[in-house]
Amino acid sequence: MFRISKDELYTMMENYKLTDVTSGNSTSTMIGDYWKKSLKTGFLEMTKIGLLREATRARKNGLVEWSNLVSNWADTI
């Protein structure tokens, strides 16, 4: 199970906003969606299969940066 705190997600979201302006991708938005899901518990938890599904979906939709990030999370499990 992959687990990341809401604070770590928020920091990542803010950092990716800087690159969103130049690259036009929505990695920051995707992280923000997961940050919102983590507000109740303080953490986001996903299985390796869930992360790989998210990475595949992101790649199919052209969100390569987000796909790579989520794939890296899956590799840590």
C-alpha atoms as a PDB file:
ATOM      1  CA  MET A   1       0.000   0.000   0.000  1.00  0.00           C
ATOM      2  CA  PHE A   2       1.343   3.419  -0.985  1.00  0.00           C
ATOM      3  CA  ARG A   3       0.731   6.161   1.555  1.00  0.00           C
ATOM      4  CA  ILE A   4       1.453   9.882   1.266  1.00  0.00           C
ATOM      5  CA  SER A   5       0.409  12.661   3.631  1.00  0.00           C
ATOM      6  CA  LYS A   6      -1.857  15.524   2.628  1.00  0.00           C
ATOM      7  CA  ASP A   7       0.964  17.946   3.469  1.00  0.00           C
ATOM      8  CA  GLU A   8       3.347  16.209   1.061  1.00  0.00           C
ATOM      9  CA  LEU A   9       0.666  16.253  -1.639  1.00  0.00           C
ATOM     10  CA  TYR A  10       0.039  19.967  -1.068  1.00  0.00           C
ATOM     11  CA  THR A  11       3.751  20.762  -1.360  1.00  0.00           C
ATOM     12  CA  MET A  12       3.963  18.764  -4.589  1.00  0.00           C
ATOM     13  CA  MET A  13       0.874  20.491  -5.963  1.00  0.00           C
ATOM     14  CA  GLU A  14       2.381  23.928  -5.305  1.00  0.00           C
ATOM     15  CA  ASN A  15       5.713  22.942  -6.886  1.00  0.00           C
ATOM     16  CA  TYR A  16       4.063  21.541 -10.008  1.00  0.00           C
ATOM     17  CA  LYS A  17       2.011  24.728 -10.459  1.00  0.00           C
ATOM     18  CA  LEU A  18       5.270  26.424 -11.405  1.00  0.00           C
ATOM     19  CA  THR A  19       5.857  23.975 -14.253  1.00  0.00           C
ATOM     20  CA  ASP A  20       2.212  24.005 -15.372  1.00  0.00           C
ATOM     21  CA  VAL A  21       2.606  27.540 -16.702  1.00  0.00           C
ATOM     22  CA  THR A  22       5.382  26.546 -19.083  1.00  0.00           C
ATOM     23  CA  SER A  23       4.448  22.979 -20.017  1.00  0.00           C
ATOM     24  CA  GLY A  24       0.684  23.335 -20.079  1.00  0.00           C
ATOM     25  CA  ASN A  25       0.152  19.981 -18.385  1.00  0.00           C
ATOM     26  CA  SER A  26      -2.224  19.445 -15.513  1.00  0.00           C
ATOM     27  CA  THR A  27      -0.047  17.478 -13.098  1.00  0.00           C
ATOM     28  CA  SER A  28      -0.762  20.047 -10.394  1.00  0.00           C
ATOM     29  CA  THR A  29      -4.501  19.607 -10.949  1.00  0.00           C
ATOM     30  CA  MET A  30      -4.221  15.815 -10.695  1.00  0.00           C
ATOM     31  CA  ILE A  31      -2.241  16.096  -7.451  1.00  0.00           C
ATOM     32  CA  GLY A  32      -4.851  18.567  -6.179  1.00  0.00           C
ATOM     33  CA  ASP A  33      -7.611  16.026  -6.802  1.00  0.00           C
ATOM     34  CA  TYR A  34      -5.777  13.476  -4.664  1.00  0.00           C
ATOM     35  CA  TRP A  35      -5.038  16.140  -2.040  1.00  0.00           C
ATOM     36  CA  LYS A  36      -8.792  16.793  -1.711  1.00  0.00           C
ATOM     37  CA  LYS A  37      -9.391  13.064  -1.227  1.00  0.00           C
ATOM     38  CA  SER A  38      -6.791  13.019   1.563  1.00  0.00           C
ATOM     39  CA  LEU A  39      -8.400  15.780   3.658  1.00  0.00           C
ATOM     40  CA  LYS A  40     -10.634  13.438   5.685  1.00  0.00           C
ATOM     41  CA  THR A  41      -7.905  11.041   6.799  1.00  0.00           C
ATOM     42  CA  GLY A  42      -4.784  13.160   6.352  1.00  0.00           C
ATOM     43  CA  PHE A  43      -3.310  10.573   3.979  1.00  0.00           C
ATOM     44  CA  LEU A  44      -3.810   9.192   0.511  1.00  0.00           C
ATOM     45  CA  GLU A  45      -3.530   5.421   0.343  1.00  0.00           C
ATOM     46  CA  MET A  46      -3.526   3.420  -2.881  1.00  0.00           C
ATOM     47  CA  THR A  47      -2.569  -0.099  -3.837  1.00  0.00           C
ATOM     48  CA  LYS A  48       0.128  -0.753  -6.408  1.00  0.00           C
ATOM     49  CA  ILE A  49      -2.541  -1.900  -8.875  1.00  0.00           C
ATOM     50  CA  GLY A  50      -4.499   1.325  -8.297  1.00  0.00           C
ATOM     51  CA  LEU A  51      -1.403   3.408  -8.953  1.00  0.00           C
ATOM     52  CA  LEU A  52      -0.591   1.498 -12.137  1.00  0.00           C
ATOM     53  CA  ARG A  53      -4.166   1.923 -13.377  1.00  0.00           C
ATOM     54  CA  GLU A  54      -3.932   5.663 -12.727  1.00  0.00           C
ATOM     55  CA  ALA A  55      -0.584   5.820 -14.550  1.00  0.00           C
ATOM     56  CA  THR A  56      -2.036   3.978 -17.556  1.00  0.00           C
ATOM     57  CA  ARG A  57      -5.097   6.233 -17.661  1.00  0.00           C
ATOM     58  CA  ALA A  58      -2.905   9.327 -17.437  1.00  0.00           C
ATOM     59  CA  ARG A  59      -0.617   8.184 -20.247  1.00  0.00           C
ATOM     60  CA  LYS A  60      -3.610   7.412 -22.502  1.00  0.00           C
ATOM     61  CA  ASN A  61      -4.875  10.957 -21.878  1.00  0.00           C
ATOM     62  CA  GLY A  62      -1.522  12.551 -22.702  1.00  0.00           C
ATOM     63  CA  LEU A  63      -0.527  13.372 -19.115  1.00  0.00           C
ATOM     64  CA  VAL A  64       2.954  11.895 -19.398  1.00  0.00           C
ATOM     65  CA  GLU A  65       4.454  13.780 -16.446  1.00  0.00           C
ATOM     66  CA  TRP A  66       1.636  12.650 -14.123  1.00  0.00           C
ATOM     67  CA  SER A  67       1.911   9.090 -15.438  1.00  0.00           C
ATOM     68  CA  ASN A  68       5.644   9.021 -14.693  1.00  0.00           C
ATOM     69  CA  LEU A  69       5.126  10.399 -11.193  1.00  0.00           C
ATOM     70  CA  VAL A  70       2.456   7.833 -10.306  1.00  0.00           C
ATOM     71  CA  SER A  71       4.541   5.021 -11.831  1.00  0.00           C
ATOM     72  CA  ASN A  72       7.434   6.068  -9.595  1.00  0.00           C
ATOM     73  CA  TRP A  73       5.120   5.876  -6.585  1.00  0.00           C
ATOM     74  CA  ALA A  74       4.131   2.338  -7.625  1.00  0.00           C
ATOM     75  CA  ASP A  75       7.807   1.359  -7.865  1.00  0.00           C
ATOM     76  CA  THR A  76       8.310   2.244  -4.191  1.00  0.00           C
ATOM     77  CA  ILE A  77       5.908  -0.470  -3.044  1.00  0.00           C
END
